[in-house]
Every structure is written in C-alpha cells, then in structure tokens.
Amino acid sequence: MEAITQLLGREIGEGTRIVLNHDIVYRLRSAFAQGTIRQACEECPWYRLCTKVARANYRRCGCSPTGSES
C-alpha cells in the first residue's frame, strides 16, 4: 500500500476506497506495467497472468474508469 500511497499522493490503507477516473487508472496501469507497484505480487500465482495483461496494454481488461465505456 505504501507504493500506491506514494503514487497517488494520498494515504491508502485497509478499507480505503479509490474512485477510478482516467488519470488514476492511467497512473496505476503505467506504474504496474513498469513494475514500480508490484512488490506484493512477487509470490502471487497470478503474477505471470497479470504481467501478460500489462504487456498487452490492458486490452480487453474489465476494469474501466468511472464514466468510461471502453
């Protein structure tokens, strides 16, 4: 959560809600693809899948910013 706190410039903790908008989704996706917010992912069994999704530029990803239809 520390990496997300630094990226978004606001305190993030358990129970924090983040309203997704285009800017936040762009920043999160970019940082994830660059590996700067993936510290908690190292032992995850989905690591390779998520890496593949990021490398494909999140095409067909079901998570869209609020108000977005793409």
C-alpha atoms as a PDB file:
ATOM      1  CA  MET A   1       0.000   0.000   0.000  1.00  0.00           C
ATOM      2  CA  GLU A   2       2.981   2.281   0.517  1.00  0.00           C
ATOM      3  CA  ALA A   3       3.761   2.296  -3.209  1.00  0.00           C
ATOM      4  CA  ILE A   4       0.137   3.215  -4.036  1.00  0.00           C
ATOM      5  CA  THR A   5       0.190   5.933  -1.350  1.00  0.00           C
ATOM      6  CA  GLN A   6       3.280   7.458  -2.950  1.00  0.00           C
ATOM      7  CA  LEU A   7       1.912   7.124  -6.483  1.00  0.00           C
ATOM      8  CA  LEU A   8      -1.445   8.733  -5.719  1.00  0.00           C
ATOM      9  CA  GLY A   9      -0.151  11.242  -3.171  1.00  0.00           C
ATOM     10  CA  ARG A  10      -2.703  10.292  -0.524  1.00  0.00           C
ATOM     11  CA  GLU A  11      -2.802   7.887   2.380  1.00  0.00           C
ATOM     12  CA  ILE A  12      -4.038   4.441   1.365  1.00  0.00           C
ATOM     13  CA  GLY A  13      -4.872   1.809   3.949  1.00  0.00           C
ATOM     14  CA  GLU A  14      -7.204  -1.067   4.659  1.00  0.00           C
ATOM     15  CA  GLY A  15     -10.739  -0.035   3.759  1.00  0.00           C
ATOM     16  CA  THR A  16      -9.685   2.976   1.658  1.00  0.00           C
ATOM     17  CA  ARG A  17     -11.924   3.472  -1.348  1.00  0.00           C
ATOM     18  CA  ILE A  18     -10.479   4.826  -4.546  1.00  0.00           C
ATOM     19  CA  VAL A  19     -12.803   6.286  -7.169  1.00  0.00           C
ATOM     20  CA  LEU A  20     -11.279   5.412 -10.512  1.00  0.00           C
ATOM     21  CA  ASN A  21     -11.024   8.115 -13.118  1.00  0.00           C
ATOM     22  CA  HIS A  22      -8.957   8.223 -16.296  1.00  0.00           C
ATOM     23  CA  ASP A  23      -5.941   9.825 -14.604  1.00  0.00           C
ATOM     24  CA  ILE A  24      -5.816   7.364 -11.701  1.00  0.00           C
ATOM     25  CA  VAL A  25      -6.293   4.313 -13.936  1.00  0.00           C
ATOM     26  CA  TYR A  26      -3.577   5.572 -16.292  1.00  0.00           C
ATOM     27  CA  ARG A  27      -1.139   6.164 -13.425  1.00  0.00           C
ATOM     28  CA  LEU A  28      -1.882   2.804 -11.776  1.00  0.00           C
ATOM     29  CA  ARG A  29      -1.609   0.860 -15.024  1.00  0.00           C
ATOM     30  CA  SER A  30       1.592   2.618 -16.054  1.00  0.00           C
ATOM     31  CA  ALA A  31       3.238   2.041 -12.680  1.00  0.00           C
ATOM     32  CA  PHE A  32       2.112  -1.593 -12.656  1.00  0.00           C
ATOM     33  CA  ALA A  33       3.471  -2.210 -16.150  1.00  0.00           C
ATOM     34  CA  GLN A  34       6.790  -0.605 -15.136  1.00  0.00           C
ATOM     35  CA  GLY A  35       6.916  -2.814 -12.047  1.00  0.00           C
ATOM     36  CA  THR A  36       7.043   0.044  -9.563  1.00  0.00           C
ATOM     37  CA  ILE A  37       3.936  -1.024  -7.613  1.00  0.00           C
ATOM     38  CA  ARG A  38       4.309  -4.804  -7.796  1.00  0.00           C
ATOM     39  CA  GLN A  39       6.166  -5.544  -4.551  1.00  0.00           C
ATOM     40  CA  ALA A  40       3.219  -7.537  -3.174  1.00  0.00           C
ATOM     41  CA  CYS A  41       2.945  -9.544  -6.406  1.00  0.00           C
ATOM     42  CA  GLU A  42       6.223 -11.441  -6.179  1.00  0.00           C
ATOM     43  CA  GLU A  43       4.819 -14.643  -4.657  1.00  0.00           C
ATOM     44  CA  CYS A  44       1.379 -14.443  -6.279  1.00  0.00           C
ATOM     45  CA  PRO A  45       0.368 -17.359  -8.519  1.00  0.00           C
ATOM     46  CA  TRP A  46      -1.250 -14.838 -10.908  1.00  0.00           C
ATOM     47  CA  TYR A  47       1.990 -12.895 -11.412  1.00  0.00           C
ATOM     48  CA  ARG A  48       2.567 -14.199 -14.940  1.00  0.00           C
ATOM     49  CA  LEU A  49      -1.054 -13.618 -15.980  1.00  0.00           C
ATOM     50  CA  CYS A  50      -1.020 -10.031 -14.731  1.00  0.00           C
ATOM     51  CA  THR A  51       2.316  -9.418 -16.445  1.00  0.00           C
ATOM     52  CA  LYS A  52       0.837 -10.692 -19.703  1.00  0.00           C
ATOM     53  CA  VAL A  53      -2.211  -8.412 -19.343  1.00  0.00           C
ATOM     54  CA  ALA A  54       0.027  -5.391 -18.666  1.00  0.00           C
ATOM     55  CA  ARG A  55       2.268  -6.189 -21.647  1.00  0.00           C
ATOM     56  CA  ALA A  56      -0.840  -6.320 -23.860  1.00  0.00           C
ATOM     57  CA  ASN A  57      -1.593  -2.742 -22.729  1.00  0.00           C
ATOM     58  CA  TYR A  58      -4.634  -3.943 -20.754  1.00  0.00           C
ATOM     59  CA  ARG A  59      -6.668  -4.674 -23.891  1.00  0.00           C
ATOM     60  CA  ARG A  60      -9.935  -6.391 -23.056  1.00  0.00           C
ATOM     61  CA  CYS A  61      -9.423  -5.626 -19.377  1.00  0.00           C
ATOM     62  CA  GLY A  62     -12.699  -5.409 -17.460  1.00  0.00           C
ATOM     63  CA  CYS A  63     -11.619  -2.544 -15.216  1.00  0.00           C
ATOM     64  CA  SER A  64     -12.546   0.848 -16.650  1.00  0.00           C
ATOM     65  CA  PRO A  65     -12.519   4.297 -15.081  1.00  0.00           C
ATOM     66  CA  THR A  66     -15.781   5.763 -13.814  1.00  0.00           C
ATOM     67  CA  GLY A  67     -17.770   7.104 -16.747  1.00  0.00           C
ATOM     68  CA  SER A  68     -15.780   5.147 -19.294  1.00  0.00           C
ATOM     69  CA  GLU A  69     -17.323   2.714 -21.715  1.00  0.00           C
ATOM     70  CA  SER A  70     -14.047   1.357 -23.140  1.00  0.00           C
END
